[in-house]
Protein backbone atom coordinates (compact mmCIF):
# COMPACT_ATOMS: atom_id res chain seq x y z
CA MET A 1 0.16 -0.06 0.02
CA GLU A 2 1.64 3.26 -1.10
CA ASN A 3 0.35 6.67 -0.68
CA GLU A 4 1.84 10.23 -0.88
CA GLU A 5 2.00 13.81 0.34
CA HIS A 6 3.22 17.00 -1.17
CA ASN A 7 4.06 20.28 0.24
CA GLU A 8 3.46 22.87 -2.85
CA GLU A 9 6.03 25.23 -2.47
CA GLU A 10 9.11 22.96 -0.84
CA TRP A 11 8.38 20.36 -3.07
CA ILE A 12 8.89 17.47 -0.53
CA GLU A 13 7.10 13.95 -1.27
CA ARG A 14 6.58 11.35 1.16
CA THR A 15 5.41 7.88 0.17
CA THR A 16 4.67 5.21 2.96
CA ILE A 17 5.03 1.86 2.30
CA THR A 18 3.42 -1.31 4.34
CA ALA A 19 5.44 -4.76 3.86
CA ASP A 20 2.71 -7.54 3.05
CA VAL A 21 2.00 -10.03 5.57
CA GLY A 22 3.51 -12.83 3.28
CA GLN A 23 6.86 -10.46 3.34
CA ASN A 24 9.85 -12.25 2.92
CA PHE A 25 12.80 -11.10 5.36
CA LEU A 26 14.90 -8.76 2.60
CA ARG A 27 17.25 -5.60 2.77
CA ILE A 28 15.78 -2.38 3.43
CA ASP A 29 17.70 -1.03 0.03
CA ARG A 30 16.32 -4.11 -1.95
CA PHE A 31 13.07 -4.22 -0.98
CA LEU A 32 12.80 -0.28 -1.76
CA SER A 33 14.64 -0.81 -5.05
CA ASP A 34 11.75 -3.31 -5.87
CA ARG A 35 9.31 -0.71 -5.41
CA LEU A 36 10.64 2.64 -6.30
CA PRO A 37 12.04 1.65 -9.78
CA ASN A 38 13.31 5.31 -10.58
CA VAL A 39 15.24 5.70 -7.21
CA SER A 40 18.89 4.42 -7.53
CA ARG A 41 20.39 2.12 -4.63
CA THR A 42 22.81 4.87 -3.99
CA ARG A 43 20.07 7.33 -3.18
CA ILE A 44 18.10 4.88 -1.02
CA GLN A 45 21.35 4.17 0.94
CA ALA A 46 22.27 8.25 1.58
CA GLY A 47 18.39 8.68 2.53
CA ILE A 48 18.89 5.85 5.18
CA LYS A 49 22.15 7.37 6.43
CA SER A 50 20.50 10.99 6.35
CA GLY A 51 17.55 9.65 8.34
CA ASN A 52 15.07 10.14 5.26
CA ILE A 53 14.09 6.71 5.35
CA THR A 54 12.10 5.11 8.62
CA VAL A 55 10.53 2.08 9.44
CA ASN A 56 7.82 1.98 11.97
CA GLN A 57 8.84 5.79 12.56
CA LYS A 58 12.29 4.73 13.77
CA SER A 59 15.68 4.91 11.92
CA ILE A 60 17.43 2.20 10.80
CA LYS A 61 20.55 0.86 9.41
CA SER A 62 21.59 0.12 6.01
CA ASN A 63 21.21 -3.64 6.53
CA TYR A 64 18.02 -3.51 8.17
CA LYS A 65 15.51 -6.45 6.91
CA ILE A 66 12.31 -5.93 6.44
CA LYS A 67 9.42 -7.74 8.08
CA PRO A 68 5.85 -8.52 7.39
CA GLY A 69 3.75 -5.56 8.73
CA ASP A 70 6.40 -3.13 8.56
CA VAL A 71 5.65 0.46 7.45
CA VAL A 72 8.57 2.13 5.29
CA ASP A 73 8.06 6.18 5.02
CA VAL A 74 10.61 7.93 2.39
CA VAL A 75 10.92 11.17 2.23
CA PHE A 76 12.60 13.03 -0.70
CA ALA A 77 12.31 15.93 -3.32
CA ARG A 78 9.56 15.73 -5.37
CA ASP A 79 9.96 15.03 -9.30
CA THR A 80 9.50 17.18 -12.35
CA GLU A 81 9.32 16.90 -15.34
CA PRO A 82 12.98 16.15 -16.81
CA SER A 83 15.49 19.09 -19.03
CA GLU A 84 18.35 19.37 -20.92
CA LEU A 85 20.34 21.02 -17.71
CA ILE A 86 22.89 23.81 -19.27
CA PRO A 87 25.42 25.34 -17.14
CA GLU A 88 25.17 29.15 -17.27
CA LYS A 89 26.55 32.08 -16.09
CA VAL A 90 23.59 33.51 -13.97
CA ASP A 91 23.73 36.80 -11.32
CA PHE A 92 23.16 35.76 -7.89
CA THR A 93 25.21 36.64 -4.92
CA ILE A 94 26.32 33.93 -2.47
CA LEU A 95 25.76 34.24 1.33
CA TYR A 96 27.42 31.22 2.46
CA GLU A 97 29.28 28.44 1.05
CA ASP A 98 30.82 25.28 2.30
CA ASP A 99 31.27 21.70 1.50
CA ASP A 100 27.60 20.68 2.05
CA VAL A 101 25.30 23.57 1.37
CA LEU A 102 25.16 26.85 -0.45
CA VAL A 103 23.12 30.21 0.65
CA LEU A 104 22.17 32.73 -1.57
CA ASP A 105 20.57 35.48 -2.12
CA LYS A 106 17.88 35.90 -5.38
CA PRO A 107 17.28 38.56 -7.32
CA ALA A 108 13.57 39.59 -8.22
CA GLY A 109 13.17 38.70 -11.87
CA LEU A 110 15.38 35.30 -11.60
CA VAL A 111 13.32 31.87 -12.44
CA VAL A 112 14.74 28.85 -10.00
CA HIS A 113 14.68 25.98 -12.37
CA PRO A 114 14.03 25.33 -15.82
CA GLY A 115 9.91 24.79 -17.10
CA GLN A 116 8.04 25.28 -19.60
CA GLY A 117 9.01 28.75 -21.50
CA ASN A 118 11.67 29.15 -19.19
CA ARG A 119 14.78 26.47 -20.04
CA SER A 120 17.80 28.44 -19.69
CA GLY A 121 18.89 31.66 -17.56
CA THR A 122 17.41 29.89 -13.77
CA LEU A 123 18.92 29.14 -10.56
CA VAL A 124 19.73 25.77 -11.63
CA ASN A 125 21.43 26.70 -15.04
CA GLY A 126 23.78 29.08 -12.68
CA LEU A 127 24.15 26.63 -9.76
CA LEU A 128 25.54 24.15 -12.52
CA TYR A 129 27.88 26.54 -13.88
CA HIS A 130 29.46 27.32 -10.28
CA ILE A 131 29.64 23.79 -8.83
CA GLU A 132 30.31 21.11 -11.12
CA HIS A 133 28.73 18.38 -9.11
CA LEU A 134 25.26 19.05 -7.34
CA PRO A 135 22.98 16.00 -6.09
CA GLN A 136 19.64 15.35 -8.42
CA SER A 137 16.41 15.01 -7.19
CA LYS A 138 14.82 11.71 -6.94
CA ASN A 139 14.79 10.63 -10.72
CA GLY A 140 18.03 12.64 -11.18
CA LEU A 141 15.61 15.49 -13.09
CA ASP A 142 15.57 19.17 -13.35
CA ARG A 143 16.72 20.76 -10.54
CA PRO A 144 19.65 19.60 -8.59
CA GLY A 145 20.41 20.62 -5.06
CA ILE A 146 16.97 22.34 -4.94
CA VAL A 147 14.56 21.79 -2.04
CA HIS A 148 12.53 25.10 -1.83
CA ARG A 149 11.93 27.78 -3.94
CA LEU A 150 10.82 31.17 -4.31
CA ASP A 151 8.43 32.92 -6.76
CA LYS A 152 10.29 34.52 -10.15
CA LEU A 153 9.09 37.72 -9.10
CA THR A 154 10.23 37.75 -5.33
CA SER A 155 13.59 38.18 -4.15
CA GLY A 156 15.72 36.75 -1.39
CA VAL A 157 17.56 33.96 0.93
CA MET A 158 17.63 30.69 -0.06
CA VAL A 159 19.10 27.52 0.40
CA VAL A 160 21.04 24.58 -1.68
CA GLY A 161 21.90 21.09 -1.04
CA LYS A 162 25.63 20.63 -2.58
CA THR A 163 25.74 16.95 -1.52
CA GLU A 164 23.13 13.91 -1.33
CA GLU A 165 23.26 13.97 2.03
CA ALA A 166 22.66 17.53 2.94
CA LEU A 167 20.13 17.30 0.06
CA ASN A 168 18.52 14.47 2.03
CA HIS A 169 18.79 16.36 5.53
CA LEU A 170 17.21 19.87 4.02
CA ALA A 171 14.59 18.14 2.65
CA MET A 172 13.95 16.79 6.05
CA GLN A 173 14.13 19.88 7.47
CA PHE A 174 11.51 21.52 5.72
CA PHE A 175 8.94 18.28 5.86
CA HIS A 176 9.13 18.96 9.69
CA ARG A 177 9.04 22.59 9.64
CA SER A 178 12.12 22.88 11.76
CA ILE A 179 13.59 25.52 8.68
CA GLU A 180 12.56 28.89 9.97
CA ARG A 181 11.73 31.54 6.98
CA ARG A 182 10.95 35.15 7.96
CA TYR A 183 9.32 37.40 4.79
CA LEU A 184 8.87 40.94 4.60
CA ALA A 185 6.09 42.31 2.51
CA LEU A 186 4.32 45.17 1.91
CA VAL A 187 0.34 45.02 1.62
CA TRP A 188 -2.56 47.81 0.94
CA GLY A 189 -4.04 49.04 3.92
CA PHE A 190 -3.49 47.95 7.59
CA PRO A 191 -3.96 44.70 8.46
CA GLY A 192 -3.42 45.10 12.40
CA GLU A 193 -0.92 44.71 15.03
CA SER A 194 -0.48 41.30 14.27
CA GLY A 195 -2.57 38.08 13.19
CA THR A 196 -2.71 34.73 11.71
CA ILE A 197 -4.33 33.86 8.85
CA GLU A 198 -5.71 30.70 8.03
CA GLY A 199 -7.58 28.89 5.06
CA HIS A 200 -6.80 25.82 2.82
CA ILE A 201 -5.04 27.08 -0.28
CA GLY A 202 -5.45 25.34 -3.41
CA ARG A 203 -5.34 26.19 -7.75
CA SER A 204 -8.29 28.49 -8.76
CA LEU A 205 -11.15 26.98 -10.20
CA LYS A 206 -11.50 29.85 -12.40
CA ASN A 207 -7.94 30.49 -12.99
CA ARG A 208 -5.12 27.78 -13.14
CA LYS A 209 -2.52 30.24 -12.82
CA ARG A 210 -3.54 31.51 -9.79
CA MET A 211 -4.26 29.76 -6.36
CA GLN A 212 -7.11 30.72 -3.79
CA VAL A 213 -8.39 30.45 -0.56
CA PHE A 214 -11.04 27.66 0.41
CA GLU A 215 -12.71 28.63 3.53
CA ASP A 216 -14.45 25.28 3.95
CA GLY A 217 -11.72 23.38 3.71
CA SER A 218 -12.99 21.74 0.55
CA PHE A 219 -9.87 21.75 -1.51
CA GLY A 220 -6.61 22.75 -0.99
CA LYS A 221 -4.29 21.95 1.49
CA THR A 222 -4.03 23.94 5.39
CA ALA A 223 -2.11 26.92 5.37
CA THR A 224 -1.17 29.25 8.37
CA THR A 225 0.81 32.19 8.15
CA HIS A 226 1.79 34.72 11.08
CA TYR A 227 2.07 38.21 10.83
CA GLU A 228 3.14 41.47 12.58
CA THR A 229 2.92 44.81 11.52
CA LEU A 230 6.43 46.84 11.55
CA GLU A 231 5.61 49.85 9.89
CA ASP A 232 2.21 51.46 9.50
CA LEU A 233 1.85 54.16 6.38
CA HIS A 234 -1.43 54.59 6.39
CA TYR A 235 -1.98 53.27 3.02
CA VAL A 236 0.09 50.70 3.22
CA SER A 237 1.93 48.72 6.09
CA LEU A 238 5.14 46.90 5.91
CA VAL A 239 4.68 43.50 7.58
CA ARG A 240 6.91 40.17 8.78
CA CYS A 241 5.68 37.29 7.83
CA LYS A 242 6.66 33.97 9.36
CA LEU A 243 5.36 30.77 7.81
CA GLU A 244 4.04 27.22 9.39
CA THR A 245 3.56 25.82 6.10
CA GLY A 246 5.07 26.24 2.65
CA ARG A 247 2.01 26.37 0.06
CA THR A 248 2.50 28.05 -3.68
CA HIS A 249 1.92 31.87 -3.09
CA GLN A 250 0.84 31.14 0.23
CA ILE A 251 1.41 34.80 1.60
CA ARG A 252 0.37 36.57 -1.49
CA VAL A 253 -3.26 34.31 -1.48
CA HIS A 254 -3.39 34.78 1.96
CA PHE A 255 -3.50 38.48 2.47
CA ARG A 256 -5.50 39.16 -0.63
CA PHE A 257 -7.87 36.73 1.12
CA ILE A 258 -8.13 39.02 4.17
CA GLY A 259 -8.47 42.32 1.62
CA HIS A 260 -4.70 43.55 1.90
CA PRO A 261 -2.91 42.46 -1.14
CA LEU A 262 0.34 43.07 -1.54
CA PHE A 263 1.56 46.00 -3.31
CA GLY A 264 2.35 45.60 -6.58
CA ASP A 265 1.27 42.09 -6.95
CA PRO A 266 0.36 41.61 -10.49
CA GLU A 267 -1.92 38.15 -10.56
CA TYR A 268 -3.50 39.02 -7.07
CA ASP A 269 -4.89 42.39 -7.68
CA GLY A 270 -2.24 44.44 -6.02
CA GLN A 271 -1.60 46.77 -8.82
CA ARG A 272 -4.95 48.75 -8.40
CA ILE A 273 -5.69 51.29 -5.60
CA TRP A 274 -7.14 49.71 -2.22
CA LYS A 275 -6.78 52.65 -0.05
CA GLY A 276 -6.75 56.45 -0.42
CA THR A 277 -8.33 58.89 -2.73
CA THR A 278 -9.02 59.17 -6.34
CA PHE A 279 -7.39 62.45 -6.52
CA SER A 280 -5.46 62.80 -9.63
CA LYS A 281 -2.33 63.29 -8.01
CA TYR A 282 -2.35 60.11 -5.50
CA LYS A 283 -3.47 58.16 -8.71
CA GLN A 284 -0.20 59.62 -10.15
CA PHE A 285 2.09 58.79 -7.44
CA VAL A 286 0.84 55.01 -6.88
CA SER A 287 1.60 54.82 -11.10
CA ASN A 288 4.80 56.31 -10.60
CA SER A 289 5.93 53.87 -7.37
CA LEU A 290 4.36 50.65 -9.81
CA GLU A 291 7.13 51.89 -12.53
CA ILE A 292 9.40 51.50 -9.80
CA LEU A 293 8.09 48.11 -8.10
CA PRO A 294 6.08 46.36 -11.11
CA ARG A 295 6.34 43.23 -9.17
CA GLN A 296 4.86 42.15 -5.65
CA ALA A 297 6.49 43.52 -2.73
CA LEU A 298 7.50 40.48 -1.15
CA HIS A 299 11.29 39.31 0.22
CA ALA A 300 12.46 36.53 1.91
CA HIS A 301 14.70 38.22 4.43
CA SER A 302 15.70 35.99 6.36
CA LEU A 303 15.97 31.69 6.64
CA GLY A 304 17.42 29.88 9.81
CA PHE A 305 18.24 26.06 9.58
CA PHE A 306 20.30 23.16 11.05
CA HIS A 307 23.62 22.58 8.88
CA PRO A 308 23.46 19.00 7.54
CA SER A 309 27.12 17.91 9.16
CA THR A 310 27.64 19.95 11.73
CA GLY A 311 23.85 20.17 13.59
CA ASP A 312 24.65 24.06 14.03
CA ARG A 313 21.95 26.45 13.75
CA MET A 314 22.65 28.76 10.88
CA HIS A 315 20.93 31.59 10.16
CA PHE A 316 21.02 34.32 7.33
CA GLU A 317 19.65 37.72 6.31
CA SER A 318 19.08 39.56 2.65
CA PRO A 319 18.94 42.88 2.98
CA VAL A 320 16.19 44.72 1.60
CA PRO A 321 16.60 45.24 -2.30
CA SER A 322 16.57 48.45 -3.62
CA ASP A 323 13.29 48.52 -5.80
CA MET A 324 11.28 47.67 -2.76
CA LYS A 325 13.42 50.00 -0.38
CA ALA A 326 12.80 52.83 -2.45
CA VAL A 327 9.03 52.60 -2.95
CA LEU A 328 9.21 51.92 0.92
CA GLU A 329 10.99 55.52 1.51
CA ARG A 330 8.39 56.92 -1.21
CA TRP A 331 5.00 55.96 1.37
CA ARG A 332 7.10 57.54 3.85
CA ASN A 333 7.33 60.73 2.41
CA TYR A 334 4.07 60.45 1.11
CA ARG A 335 2.52 60.25 4.34
CA GLU A 336 4.53 62.76 6.23
CA ASN A 337 3.53 65.53 3.31
CA LYS A 338 0.40 63.93 2.03
CA PRO A 339 -2.06 66.89 0.89
CA GLU A 340 -5.10 67.97 2.94
CA GLY A 341 -7.92 65.82 2.79
CA ASN A 342 -6.00 63.09 0.74
């Protein structure tokens, strides 16, 4: 019996296999090789070593022999469609690097991995140019070293696994939510001093390119976003978000759901005025700000995780990018010098 769980943003796949009552005693790696034909024996053994493969919720060694009724859990990075990967020089800032991990600052506009319409010029292409050998996803497909992503137009800090063991270890941390992420977002209006947004997120039934919140939980997967307002600028607010889950477009969808979409968000109505007057000067101010920041005002500000080899807690921060910083300053100045009655 097998079932799978998918995390929309972190692409973690969990496969659970229960050994039949008539199962012969068989080494765990051979048992899984028969049931996971697209996964190499080396990949399985690395998964056992890193704790990504457990039996009856306990870590085991590679010589463990499966018994009838054993429940085997396998956690790996999720598969995607294969594509030819070409190393290319791509601009991104490296915040930290050692033999196990690479932490980088992704600029807005950079696609993380190849896909339809983006076969080159992605972060993965750049990583392959910088690092000769990167561990592949479960089937050795198109996102070596990658265990989580940021949207194309979202900037900020990311971590990459440089070895098989490191990739597995990071995947487990995402799966168990021990990785800590903080985002900065500029949202329309004032959502309150702090709060928690909950609601199942799934693909929109009307527009497959967008996600939406399903209040009754009839579709999608549970999603939780905690936030606190750092700066109330009257028309917009700077908020800091902490994710409990990692669903596709989670912060963007959740704030749109509560009526405070991210400023500049092209997909979730953030490029129209949600608060303020219809005065032509104000409309022009907003329009000029959107020219400076023609994307969602969302930045992955910090990332914390346990180092795969040493176990040390690591923490990294990415400074607010210039476009978002410039628009923040414009709103500060506008609030201080707003026209009478505006």
